[in-house]
Amino acid sequence: MATLNDIQQKFLSTLSQRPAAASMTTMREFCAELLADVPPLDSTSMLARLSTMRRASDLWNVRTALFDVIARHHGEQVAQERLRELDTKLLPFAEPRRER
């Protein structure tokens, strides 16, 4: 039977495995790079949306819009490639799926 100390140690070790929160400045800069060759009419509005994000996990909420903006100007293949890079950076911050 596990003791309270064992449970606490397991919990703390699990927390230490989670990556540190990404700097939103870094994430915004990365998104700006993804949009660098998108015309200003679309990229400016997207960057304005990104400027309101407070946490890296919030970027999941604008991922689809980001995909749409890139795909509109460069096609779906390019958008998929670019968002694959973003997904890699965001994956550690995704909410775990709950079993039903």
N, C-alpha and C. Protein backbone atom coordinates (compact mmCIF):
# COMPACT_ATOMS: atom_id res chain seq x y z
N MET A 1 0.84 -1.18 0.00
CA MET A 1 0.00 0.00 0.00
C MET A 1 0.89 1.25 0.00
N ALA A 2 0.54 2.19 -0.85
CA ALA A 2 1.34 3.41 -0.98
C ALA A 2 1.05 4.35 0.18
N THR A 3 2.09 4.97 0.64
CA THR A 3 1.93 5.95 1.71
C THR A 3 1.65 7.32 1.10
N LEU A 4 1.23 8.23 1.92
CA LEU A 4 0.99 9.60 1.47
C LEU A 4 2.26 10.20 0.89
N ASN A 5 3.39 9.91 1.50
CA ASN A 5 4.67 10.42 1.01
C ASN A 5 4.96 9.87 -0.39
N ASP A 6 4.68 8.58 -0.62
CA ASP A 6 4.89 7.98 -1.94
C ASP A 6 4.04 8.69 -3.00
N ILE A 7 2.81 8.95 -2.65
CA ILE A 7 1.89 9.60 -3.58
C ILE A 7 2.36 11.02 -3.88
N GLN A 8 2.78 11.74 -2.85
CA GLN A 8 3.28 13.10 -3.05
C GLN A 8 4.52 13.11 -3.94
N GLN A 9 5.43 12.19 -3.72
CA GLN A 9 6.65 12.13 -4.53
C GLN A 9 6.33 11.81 -5.99
N LYS A 10 5.40 10.90 -6.22
CA LYS A 10 5.00 10.55 -7.59
C LYS A 10 4.37 11.77 -8.27
N PHE A 11 3.52 12.46 -7.54
CA PHE A 11 2.87 13.66 -8.06
C PHE A 11 3.91 14.72 -8.43
N LEU A 12 4.84 14.98 -7.53
CA LEU A 12 5.87 15.98 -7.78
C LEU A 12 6.76 15.60 -8.95
N SER A 13 7.09 14.33 -9.09
CA SER A 13 7.93 13.90 -10.21
C SER A 13 7.17 14.05 -11.53
N THR A 14 5.87 13.84 -11.51
CA THR A 14 5.05 14.03 -12.71
C THR A 14 5.03 15.50 -13.12
N LEU A 15 4.90 16.38 -12.13
CA LEU A 15 4.91 17.81 -12.43
C LEU A 15 6.22 18.25 -13.04
N SER A 16 7.31 17.72 -12.56
CA SER A 16 8.61 18.14 -13.07
C SER A 16 8.85 17.65 -14.50
N GLN A 17 8.06 16.68 -14.97
CA GLN A 17 8.23 16.19 -16.34
C GLN A 17 7.54 17.09 -17.36
N ARG A 18 6.60 17.90 -16.88
CA ARG A 18 5.91 18.80 -17.79
C ARG A 18 6.84 19.95 -18.15
N PRO A 19 6.95 20.30 -19.44
CA PRO A 19 7.86 21.37 -19.83
C PRO A 19 7.43 22.71 -19.25
N ALA A 20 8.39 23.57 -19.10
CA ALA A 20 8.09 24.92 -18.61
C ALA A 20 7.21 25.63 -19.63
N ALA A 21 6.38 26.50 -19.15
CA ALA A 21 5.48 27.24 -20.04
C ALA A 21 6.29 28.05 -21.05
N ALA A 22 5.86 27.98 -22.29
CA ALA A 22 6.54 28.72 -23.34
C ALA A 22 6.26 30.21 -23.16
N SER A 23 7.24 30.98 -23.41
CA SER A 23 7.08 32.43 -23.36
C SER A 23 6.13 32.84 -24.48
N MET A 24 5.13 33.63 -24.12
CA MET A 24 4.19 34.08 -25.14
C MET A 24 4.87 34.97 -26.16
N THR A 25 5.88 35.71 -25.74
CA THR A 25 6.63 36.51 -26.71
C THR A 25 7.26 35.61 -27.75
N THR A 26 7.86 34.52 -27.30
CA THR A 26 8.48 33.56 -28.22
C THR A 26 7.44 32.94 -29.14
N MET A 27 6.30 32.57 -28.59
CA MET A 27 5.25 31.95 -29.40
C MET A 27 4.69 32.94 -30.41
N ARG A 28 4.51 34.20 -30.01
CA ARG A 28 4.02 35.20 -30.95
C ARG A 28 5.03 35.42 -32.08
N GLU A 29 6.31 35.45 -31.73
CA GLU A 29 7.35 35.62 -32.75
C GLU A 29 7.33 34.44 -33.72
N PHE A 30 7.14 33.24 -33.20
CA PHE A 30 7.07 32.06 -34.06
C PHE A 30 5.87 32.16 -35.00
N CYS A 31 4.73 32.57 -34.47
CA CYS A 31 3.54 32.72 -35.31
C CYS A 31 3.73 33.82 -36.36
N ALA A 32 4.43 34.88 -35.98
CA ALA A 32 4.73 35.94 -36.94
C ALA A 32 5.60 35.40 -38.08
N GLU A 33 6.52 34.50 -37.76
CA GLU A 33 7.34 33.86 -38.80
C GLU A 33 6.47 33.01 -39.73
N LEU A 34 5.49 32.32 -39.17
CA LEU A 34 4.59 31.51 -39.99
C LEU A 34 3.78 32.38 -40.95
N LEU A 35 3.53 33.61 -40.54
CA LEU A 35 2.71 34.54 -41.33
C LEU A 35 3.55 35.54 -42.12
N ALA A 36 4.86 35.40 -42.12
CA ALA A 36 5.75 36.41 -42.70
C ALA A 36 5.45 36.72 -44.17
N ASP A 37 5.06 35.72 -44.95
CA ASP A 37 4.80 35.95 -46.37
C ASP A 37 3.31 36.00 -46.71
N VAL A 38 2.49 36.22 -45.69
CA VAL A 38 1.05 36.42 -45.89
C VAL A 38 0.81 37.92 -46.00
N PRO A 39 0.00 38.36 -46.96
CA PRO A 39 -0.24 39.80 -47.12
C PRO A 39 -0.71 40.46 -45.81
N PRO A 40 -0.29 41.71 -45.61
CA PRO A 40 -0.59 42.41 -44.35
C PRO A 40 -2.07 42.47 -43.99
N LEU A 41 -2.95 42.50 -44.98
CA LEU A 41 -4.38 42.58 -44.68
C LEU A 41 -4.81 41.42 -43.78
N ASP A 42 -4.32 40.22 -44.06
CA ASP A 42 -4.67 39.04 -43.25
C ASP A 42 -3.73 38.83 -42.07
N SER A 43 -2.45 39.04 -42.28
CA SER A 43 -1.50 38.77 -41.21
C SER A 43 -1.66 39.75 -40.04
N THR A 44 -1.96 41.00 -40.33
CA THR A 44 -2.11 42.00 -39.27
C THR A 44 -3.26 41.65 -38.35
N SER A 45 -4.39 41.27 -38.91
CA SER A 45 -5.53 40.92 -38.06
C SER A 45 -5.26 39.65 -37.25
N MET A 46 -4.54 38.71 -37.84
CA MET A 46 -4.21 37.48 -37.13
C MET A 46 -3.23 37.77 -35.99
N LEU A 47 -2.24 38.60 -36.25
CA LEU A 47 -1.27 38.96 -35.21
C LEU A 47 -1.94 39.76 -34.09
N ALA A 48 -2.94 40.56 -34.43
CA ALA A 48 -3.68 41.28 -33.40
C ALA A 48 -4.42 40.29 -32.49
N ARG A 49 -5.00 39.26 -33.08
CA ARG A 49 -5.66 38.22 -32.27
C ARG A 49 -4.66 37.53 -31.37
N LEU A 50 -3.50 37.22 -31.92
CA LEU A 50 -2.47 36.52 -31.14
C LEU A 50 -1.95 37.39 -29.99
N SER A 51 -1.98 38.70 -30.18
CA SER A 51 -1.47 39.58 -29.13
C SER A 51 -2.35 39.55 -27.87
N THR A 52 -3.57 39.06 -27.99
CA THR A 52 -4.46 38.99 -26.83
C THR A 52 -4.31 37.68 -26.05
N MET A 53 -3.56 36.74 -26.61
CA MET A 53 -3.38 35.45 -25.96
C MET A 53 -2.47 35.60 -24.74
N ARG A 54 -2.85 34.95 -23.65
CA ARG A 54 -2.08 35.08 -22.41
C ARG A 54 -1.21 33.86 -22.13
N ARG A 55 -1.61 32.70 -22.66
CA ARG A 55 -0.87 31.46 -22.40
C ARG A 55 -0.70 30.70 -23.71
N ALA A 56 0.34 29.89 -23.76
CA ALA A 56 0.59 29.08 -24.96
C ALA A 56 -0.61 28.20 -25.27
N SER A 57 -1.26 27.69 -24.25
CA SER A 57 -2.41 26.81 -24.48
C SER A 57 -3.56 27.56 -25.15
N ASP A 58 -3.61 28.89 -25.00
CA ASP A 58 -4.65 29.69 -25.66
C ASP A 58 -4.51 29.66 -27.18
N LEU A 59 -3.31 29.40 -27.65
CA LEU A 59 -3.08 29.39 -29.10
C LEU A 59 -3.85 28.26 -29.79
N TRP A 60 -4.19 27.21 -29.05
CA TRP A 60 -5.01 26.15 -29.65
C TRP A 60 -6.33 26.72 -30.16
N ASN A 61 -6.83 27.77 -29.51
CA ASN A 61 -8.11 28.36 -29.89
C ASN A 61 -8.07 29.11 -31.21
N VAL A 62 -6.89 29.56 -31.64
CA VAL A 62 -6.79 30.29 -32.90
C VAL A 62 -6.08 29.48 -33.98
N ARG A 63 -5.78 28.25 -33.69
CA ARG A 63 -5.04 27.40 -34.62
C ARG A 63 -5.76 27.27 -35.96
N THR A 64 -7.06 27.04 -35.93
CA THR A 64 -7.82 26.87 -37.16
C THR A 64 -7.80 28.14 -38.00
N ALA A 65 -7.97 29.29 -37.36
CA ALA A 65 -7.93 30.56 -38.09
C ALA A 65 -6.55 30.79 -38.70
N LEU A 66 -5.51 30.43 -37.98
CA LEU A 66 -4.15 30.56 -38.48
C LEU A 66 -3.96 29.67 -39.72
N PHE A 67 -4.46 28.45 -39.63
CA PHE A 67 -4.40 27.52 -40.77
C PHE A 67 -5.11 28.14 -41.98
N ASP A 68 -6.32 28.67 -41.76
CA ASP A 68 -7.11 29.23 -42.86
C ASP A 68 -6.40 30.39 -43.55
N VAL A 69 -5.79 31.26 -42.76
CA VAL A 69 -5.08 32.42 -43.33
C VAL A 69 -3.90 31.95 -44.19
N ILE A 70 -3.14 31.02 -43.68
CA ILE A 70 -1.97 30.53 -44.45
C ILE A 70 -2.44 29.78 -45.69
N ALA A 71 -3.45 28.93 -45.55
CA ALA A 71 -3.95 28.13 -46.69
C ALA A 71 -4.54 29.02 -47.78
N ARG A 72 -5.18 30.11 -47.40
CA ARG A 72 -5.78 31.01 -48.38
C ARG A 72 -4.72 31.57 -49.33
N HIS A 73 -3.53 31.79 -48.84
CA HIS A 73 -2.49 32.41 -49.66
C HIS A 73 -1.45 31.43 -50.20
N HIS A 74 -1.30 30.27 -49.56
CA HIS A 74 -0.24 29.35 -49.96
C HIS A 74 -0.71 27.91 -50.17
N GLY A 75 -1.97 27.64 -49.94
CA GLY A 75 -2.49 26.30 -50.12
C GLY A 75 -2.45 25.48 -48.83
N GLU A 76 -3.27 24.44 -48.83
CA GLU A 76 -3.41 23.61 -47.64
C GLU A 76 -2.14 22.87 -47.27
N GLN A 77 -1.38 22.42 -48.25
CA GLN A 77 -0.15 21.68 -47.97
C GLN A 77 0.83 22.53 -47.17
N VAL A 78 1.03 23.75 -47.59
CA VAL A 78 1.95 24.66 -46.89
C VAL A 78 1.41 24.94 -45.49
N ALA A 79 0.11 25.17 -45.38
CA ALA A 79 -0.49 25.44 -44.07
C ALA A 79 -0.31 24.25 -43.14
N GLN A 80 -0.49 23.04 -43.65
CA GLN A 80 -0.29 21.84 -42.83
C GLN A 80 1.15 21.74 -42.34
N GLU A 81 2.10 21.99 -43.22
CA GLU A 81 3.51 21.92 -42.84
C GLU A 81 3.85 22.94 -41.76
N ARG A 82 3.36 24.15 -41.94
CA ARG A 82 3.67 25.20 -40.97
C ARG A 82 3.00 24.93 -39.62
N LEU A 83 1.77 24.46 -39.65
CA LEU A 83 1.06 24.20 -38.39
C LEU A 83 1.59 22.96 -37.70
N ARG A 84 2.20 22.06 -38.44
CA ARG A 84 2.83 20.89 -37.82
C ARG A 84 3.94 21.36 -36.86
N GLU A 85 4.68 22.37 -37.27
CA GLU A 85 5.72 22.95 -36.41
C GLU A 85 5.10 23.58 -35.16
N LEU A 86 4.01 24.31 -35.36
CA LEU A 86 3.33 24.93 -34.23
C LEU A 86 2.77 23.87 -33.29
N ASP A 87 2.19 22.83 -33.85
CA ASP A 87 1.63 21.74 -33.03
C ASP A 87 2.70 21.12 -32.15
N THR A 88 3.88 20.95 -32.69
CA THR A 88 4.98 20.37 -31.91
C THR A 88 5.30 21.24 -30.69
N LYS A 89 5.25 22.55 -30.88
CA LYS A 89 5.53 23.47 -29.78
C LYS A 89 4.37 23.52 -28.77
N LEU A 90 3.15 23.32 -29.26
CA LEU A 90 1.97 23.42 -28.39
C LEU A 90 1.56 22.11 -27.73
N LEU A 91 1.99 21.00 -28.26
CA LEU A 91 1.55 19.70 -27.76
C LEU A 91 1.70 19.54 -26.24
N PRO A 92 2.80 19.97 -25.64
CA PRO A 92 2.92 19.82 -24.19
C PRO A 92 1.88 20.60 -23.39
N PHE A 93 1.21 21.57 -24.03
CA PHE A 93 0.25 22.41 -23.33
C PHE A 93 -1.19 22.04 -23.62
N ALA A 94 -1.38 20.98 -24.41
CA ALA A 94 -2.74 20.54 -24.74
C ALA A 94 -3.41 19.97 -23.50
N GLU A 95 -4.70 20.20 -23.41
CA GLU A 95 -5.47 19.61 -22.31
C GLU A 95 -5.59 18.11 -22.55
N PRO A 96 -5.39 17.31 -21.53
CA PRO A 96 -5.54 15.87 -21.72
C PRO A 96 -7.00 15.53 -22.03
N ARG A 97 -7.20 14.56 -22.91
CA ARG A 97 -8.56 14.15 -23.26
C ARG A 97 -9.16 13.37 -22.10
N ARG A 98 -10.40 13.65 -21.87
CA ARG A 98 -11.10 12.96 -20.79
C ARG A 98 -11.86 11.78 -21.37
N GLU A 99 -11.75 10.65 -20.72
CA GLU A 99 -12.47 9.46 -21.15
C GLU A 99 -13.93 9.62 -20.75
N ARG A 100 -14.81 9.14 -21.61
CA ARG A 100 -16.26 9.20 -21.30
C ARG A 100 -16.74 7.89 -20.80
